[in-house]
Amino acid sequence: MASIGTFKKSGNEFQGEIVTMAIQTKNVRIVPEPASDNEAAPSHRVFVGRAEVGAAWTKHSNEGREYLSVKLDDPSMTVPIYANLFDDEDGKTYNLIWTRARRQNGD
């Protein structure tokens, strides 16, 4: 697991930055979407400036902890990044945590 971003909640949206070896982006916003009848629709959209760069879905851990499952995608990326946004123990900050997907079939 690696923390690739830090966010703070401002009103009903999250604002922060994402930093990896390839991506160093500030002013990232995760904004709630209006409610939808489609259960598969994202609960949030991810923006950098005016550009939409991803989506997020509200989930609950086995312990009942709410978090966002985030998919980041952009034409400059070869594959999407999947990560989870969890609140920190202080309740004021949020960390975007990335984990490499496990390979299947012994690859």
Protein backbone atom coordinates (compact mmCIF):
# COMPACT_ATOMS: atom_id res chain seq x y z
CA MET A 1 0.00 0.00 0.00
CA ALA A 2 1.16 3.51 -0.77
CA SER A 3 -0.33 6.87 0.06
CA ILE A 4 -0.47 8.75 -3.25
CA GLY A 5 -2.59 11.69 -2.17
CA THR A 6 -3.77 13.83 0.70
CA PHE A 7 -7.08 15.64 0.90
CA LYS A 8 -9.15 17.82 3.22
CA LYS A 9 -12.91 18.06 3.21
CA SER A 10 -14.24 21.47 2.25
CA GLY A 11 -18.01 21.66 2.42
CA ASN A 12 -19.23 18.53 0.66
CA GLU A 13 -16.17 18.02 -1.56
CA PHE A 14 -12.59 16.89 -1.04
CA GLN A 15 -9.64 19.06 -2.10
CA GLY A 16 -6.02 18.00 -2.24
CA GLU A 17 -3.15 16.67 -4.29
CA ILE A 18 -1.94 13.45 -5.87
CA VAL A 19 1.80 12.73 -5.97
CA THR A 20 3.49 9.69 -7.51
CA MET A 21 6.74 9.37 -9.43
CA ALA A 22 4.82 10.09 -12.66
CA ILE A 23 1.99 12.34 -11.42
CA GLN A 24 2.34 15.50 -9.36
CA THR A 25 -0.98 17.26 -9.37
CA LYS A 26 -2.36 19.88 -7.01
CA ASN A 27 -5.85 21.34 -6.90
CA VAL A 28 -7.55 17.95 -7.25
CA ARG A 29 -11.24 18.05 -6.34
CA ILE A 30 -13.52 15.10 -5.61
CA VAL A 31 -17.05 16.42 -6.01
CA PRO A 32 -20.32 14.62 -5.16
CA GLU A 33 -22.64 13.76 -8.02
CA PRO A 34 -26.40 14.27 -7.82
CA ALA A 35 -28.24 11.11 -6.78
CA SER A 36 -28.89 8.68 -9.62
CA ASP A 37 -31.31 5.82 -10.17
CA ASN A 38 -28.42 3.82 -11.65
CA GLU A 39 -26.80 1.88 -8.77
CA ALA A 40 -23.55 1.53 -10.76
CA ALA A 41 -23.21 5.29 -11.32
CA PRO A 42 -20.38 7.01 -9.44
CA SER A 43 -21.21 8.97 -6.31
CA HIS A 44 -18.40 11.48 -7.03
CA ARG A 45 -16.39 12.90 -9.94
CA VAL A 46 -12.68 13.77 -9.80
CA PHE A 47 -11.47 17.03 -11.37
CA VAL A 48 -8.20 18.83 -11.92
CA GLY A 49 -9.20 22.34 -12.89
CA ARG A 50 -12.08 21.88 -15.34
CA ALA A 51 -10.84 18.50 -16.60
CA GLU A 52 -12.61 15.41 -15.30
CA VAL A 53 -9.94 12.80 -14.54
CA GLY A 54 -11.86 10.16 -12.68
CA ALA A 55 -14.82 8.95 -10.68
CA ALA A 56 -15.44 7.54 -7.21
CA TRP A 57 -17.99 5.30 -5.56
CA THR A 58 -19.00 5.33 -1.89
CA LYS A 59 -18.21 1.99 -0.23
CA HIS A 60 -18.17 0.51 3.27
CA SER A 61 -15.41 -1.64 4.74
CA ASN A 62 -16.11 -4.88 6.61
CA GLU A 63 -15.85 -2.80 9.80
CA GLY A 64 -18.52 -0.39 8.52
CA ARG A 65 -16.05 2.40 7.76
CA GLU A 66 -17.14 4.58 4.81
CA TYR A 67 -14.57 5.31 2.09
CA LEU A 68 -14.40 6.23 -1.59
CA SER A 69 -13.24 3.76 -4.22
CA VAL A 70 -11.52 6.00 -6.79
CA LYS A 71 -10.68 5.40 -10.46
CA LEU A 72 -8.31 7.93 -12.03
CA ASP A 73 -7.94 7.94 -15.80
CA ASP A 74 -6.53 10.42 -18.26
CA PRO A 75 -5.31 10.24 -21.89
CA SER A 76 -1.74 10.71 -20.64
CA MET A 77 -1.96 7.49 -18.58
CA THR A 78 -1.39 4.03 -20.08
CA VAL A 79 -3.73 2.38 -17.56
CA PRO A 80 -6.18 3.71 -14.97
CA ILE A 81 -5.15 4.03 -11.32
CA TYR A 82 -7.45 2.48 -8.72
CA ALA A 83 -7.19 3.72 -5.14
CA ASN A 84 -9.25 4.23 -2.00
CA LEU A 85 -9.80 7.48 -0.10
CA PHE A 86 -9.92 6.90 3.68
CA ASP A 87 -10.27 9.41 6.49
CA ASP A 88 -7.25 9.66 8.77
CA GLU A 89 -7.50 9.03 12.50
CA ASP A 90 -7.65 12.77 13.16
CA GLY A 91 -10.88 12.99 11.12
CA LYS A 92 -9.63 16.12 9.35
CA THR A 93 -7.46 14.68 6.60
CA TYR A 94 -8.01 11.95 4.03
CA ASN A 95 -5.41 9.72 2.39
CA LEU A 96 -5.64 8.29 -1.11
CA ILE A 97 -4.20 4.77 -0.81
CA TRP A 98 -3.06 2.74 -3.81
CA THR A 99 -2.36 -1.00 -3.81
CA ARG A 100 -0.99 -2.87 -6.81
CA ALA A 101 -3.48 -5.41 -8.13
CA ARG A 102 -2.41 -8.98 -7.55
CA ARG A 103 -1.61 -10.99 -10.61
CA GLN A 104 -3.67 -14.08 -11.22
CA ASN A 105 -2.75 -17.53 -12.57
CA GLY A 106 0.71 -17.42 -10.98
CA ASP A 107 2.00 -14.66 -13.31
